[in-house]
């Protein structure tokens, strides 16, 4: 049995403002879902900036 699934992909630039990032993420997920996505794929580290650009021991527990 063949089944088709519509996939939506969300990729966004993130800031250090977690609340703003999550609000933007919510809008983007709603947008692709409204366009027909049944499965939404998010980028790695989808709600914070990519922390591996600099070494910060405070972020090691992430």
N, C-alpha and C. Protein backbone atom coordinates (compact mmCIF):
# COMPACT_ATOMS: atom_id res chain seq x y z
N UNK A 1 0.83 -1.18 0.00
CA UNK A 1 0.00 0.00 0.00
C UNK A 1 0.88 1.25 0.00
N UNK A 2 0.67 2.10 -0.95
CA UNK A 2 1.45 3.33 -1.07
C UNK A 2 0.72 4.46 -0.36
N UNK A 3 1.47 5.23 0.42
CA UNK A 3 0.88 6.35 1.14
C UNK A 3 1.73 7.58 0.92
N UNK A 4 1.09 8.69 0.66
CA UNK A 4 1.79 9.95 0.45
C UNK A 4 1.62 10.83 1.68
N UNK A 5 2.72 11.41 2.13
CA UNK A 5 2.70 12.33 3.27
C UNK A 5 3.28 13.66 2.79
N UNK A 6 2.59 14.73 3.08
CA UNK A 6 3.09 16.07 2.75
C UNK A 6 3.97 16.55 3.90
N UNK A 7 5.19 16.93 3.57
CA UNK A 7 6.17 17.35 4.57
C UNK A 7 6.41 18.85 4.44
N UNK A 8 6.42 19.53 5.57
CA UNK A 8 6.77 20.95 5.62
C UNK A 8 8.08 21.10 6.35
N UNK A 9 8.95 21.94 5.83
CA UNK A 9 10.26 22.16 6.44
C UNK A 9 10.34 23.59 6.95
N UNK A 10 10.73 23.75 8.21
CA UNK A 10 10.87 25.08 8.81
C UNK A 10 12.33 25.29 9.17
N UNK A 11 12.90 26.35 8.62
CA UNK A 11 14.26 26.75 8.97
C UNK A 11 14.21 28.25 9.20
N UNK A 12 14.78 28.70 10.30
CA UNK A 12 14.70 30.11 10.64
C UNK A 12 15.96 30.55 11.35
N UNK A 13 16.24 31.85 11.28
CA UNK A 13 17.33 32.44 12.05
C UNK A 13 16.84 32.66 13.47
N UNK A 14 17.66 32.33 14.45
CA UNK A 14 17.28 32.49 15.85
C UNK A 14 18.12 33.56 16.52
N UNK A 15 17.56 34.14 17.57
CA UNK A 15 18.26 35.14 18.37
C UNK A 15 18.42 34.59 19.78
N UNK A 16 18.94 35.40 20.69
CA UNK A 16 19.05 34.98 22.08
C UNK A 16 17.74 35.14 22.84
N UNK A 17 16.71 35.66 22.19
CA UNK A 17 15.39 35.85 22.80
C UNK A 17 14.54 34.60 22.57
N UNK A 18 14.52 33.70 23.54
CA UNK A 18 13.83 32.42 23.40
C UNK A 18 12.34 32.62 23.12
N UNK A 19 11.71 33.56 23.81
CA UNK A 19 10.28 33.79 23.60
C UNK A 19 10.00 34.20 22.16
N UNK A 20 10.79 35.11 21.63
CA UNK A 20 10.62 35.55 20.24
C UNK A 20 10.85 34.39 19.28
N UNK A 21 11.87 33.58 19.54
CA UNK A 21 12.16 32.42 18.68
C UNK A 21 10.98 31.45 18.66
N UNK A 22 10.40 31.18 19.82
CA UNK A 22 9.28 30.24 19.90
C UNK A 22 8.03 30.80 19.23
N UNK A 23 7.81 32.12 19.37
CA UNK A 23 6.67 32.74 18.68
C UNK A 23 6.82 32.62 17.17
N UNK A 24 8.03 32.89 16.68
CA UNK A 24 8.30 32.78 15.24
C UNK A 24 8.15 31.33 14.78
N UNK A 25 8.64 30.40 15.59
CA UNK A 25 8.52 28.98 15.27
C UNK A 25 7.05 28.56 15.19
N UNK A 26 6.26 29.02 16.13
CA UNK A 26 4.83 28.70 16.14
C UNK A 26 4.16 29.21 14.86
N UNK A 27 4.46 30.45 14.47
CA UNK A 27 3.89 31.01 13.24
C UNK A 27 4.33 30.21 12.02
N UNK A 28 5.60 29.83 11.96
CA UNK A 28 6.11 29.09 10.81
C UNK A 28 5.50 27.68 10.73
N UNK A 29 5.34 27.02 11.86
CA UNK A 29 4.71 25.70 11.87
C UNK A 29 3.26 25.82 11.43
N UNK A 30 2.55 26.82 11.94
CA UNK A 30 1.15 27.03 11.54
C UNK A 30 1.05 27.29 10.04
N UNK A 31 2.01 28.02 9.50
CA UNK A 31 2.00 28.35 8.07
C UNK A 31 2.15 27.10 7.20
N UNK A 32 3.11 26.24 7.53
CA UNK A 32 3.29 25.04 6.70
C UNK A 32 2.16 24.04 6.92
N UNK A 33 1.60 24.01 8.13
CA UNK A 33 0.45 23.14 8.39
C UNK A 33 -0.75 23.62 7.59
N UNK A 34 -0.96 24.92 7.54
CA UNK A 34 -2.07 25.48 6.76
C UNK A 34 -1.88 25.19 5.27
N UNK A 35 -0.63 25.09 4.84
CA UNK A 35 -0.34 24.79 3.43
C UNK A 35 -0.49 23.30 3.13
N UNK A 36 -0.81 22.50 4.16
CA UNK A 36 -1.08 21.09 3.92
C UNK A 36 -0.07 20.11 4.48
N UNK A 37 0.93 20.60 5.20
CA UNK A 37 1.93 19.68 5.76
C UNK A 37 1.31 18.79 6.82
N UNK A 38 1.61 17.51 6.74
CA UNK A 38 1.18 16.54 7.74
C UNK A 38 2.31 16.21 8.71
N UNK A 39 3.52 16.46 8.26
CA UNK A 39 4.72 16.25 9.07
C UNK A 39 5.56 17.51 8.93
N UNK A 40 5.95 18.11 10.06
CA UNK A 40 6.77 19.32 10.03
C UNK A 40 8.15 18.97 10.56
N UNK A 41 9.18 19.31 9.79
CA UNK A 41 10.56 19.04 10.15
C UNK A 41 11.22 20.36 10.53
N UNK A 42 11.85 20.37 11.71
CA UNK A 42 12.53 21.57 12.20
C UNK A 42 14.04 21.38 12.11
N UNK A 43 14.75 22.49 12.05
CA UNK A 43 16.20 22.44 12.02
C UNK A 43 16.74 22.02 13.39
N UNK A 44 17.95 21.51 13.39
CA UNK A 44 18.63 21.22 14.65
C UNK A 44 18.77 22.53 15.41
N UNK A 45 18.63 22.49 16.72
CA UNK A 45 18.70 23.69 17.56
C UNK A 45 17.71 24.74 17.07
N UNK A 46 16.47 24.36 16.96
CA UNK A 46 15.45 25.19 16.33
C UNK A 46 14.96 26.35 17.18
N UNK A 47 15.31 26.43 18.46
CA UNK A 47 14.80 27.53 19.26
C UNK A 47 15.87 28.39 19.91
N UNK A 48 17.13 28.13 19.59
CA UNK A 48 18.23 28.94 20.11
C UNK A 48 19.26 29.13 19.00
N UNK A 49 20.12 30.14 19.15
CA UNK A 49 21.19 30.29 18.15
C UNK A 49 22.13 29.09 18.19
N UNK A 50 22.82 28.87 17.11
CA UNK A 50 23.79 27.78 17.04
C UNK A 50 24.95 28.12 17.97
N UNK A 51 25.04 27.43 19.09
CA UNK A 51 25.99 27.79 20.14
C UNK A 51 27.40 27.30 19.88
N UNK A 52 27.60 26.44 18.92
CA UNK A 52 28.92 25.85 18.69
C UNK A 52 29.88 26.77 17.93
N UNK A 53 29.47 27.97 17.64
CA UNK A 53 30.34 28.89 16.92
C UNK A 53 31.46 29.41 17.81
N UNK A 54 31.20 29.46 19.12
CA UNK A 54 32.23 29.84 20.08
C UNK A 54 32.17 28.86 21.25
N UNK A 55 33.27 28.67 21.92
CA UNK A 55 33.29 27.76 23.05
C UNK A 55 32.91 28.52 24.31
N UNK A 56 31.83 28.10 24.94
CA UNK A 56 31.35 28.71 26.17
C UNK A 56 30.99 27.57 27.13
N UNK A 57 31.77 27.42 28.18
CA UNK A 57 31.55 26.31 29.11
C UNK A 57 30.18 26.37 29.78
N UNK A 58 29.54 27.52 29.81
CA UNK A 58 28.19 27.63 30.38
C UNK A 58 27.17 26.87 29.54
N UNK A 59 27.50 26.58 28.29
CA UNK A 59 26.56 25.90 27.40
C UNK A 59 26.84 24.40 27.27
N UNK A 60 27.81 23.88 27.98
CA UNK A 60 28.18 22.48 27.83
C UNK A 60 27.05 21.52 28.22
N UNK A 61 26.19 21.91 29.13
CA UNK A 61 25.11 21.03 29.58
C UNK A 61 23.93 20.99 28.63
N UNK A 62 23.94 21.78 27.57
CA UNK A 62 22.85 21.73 26.61
C UNK A 62 22.88 20.39 25.94
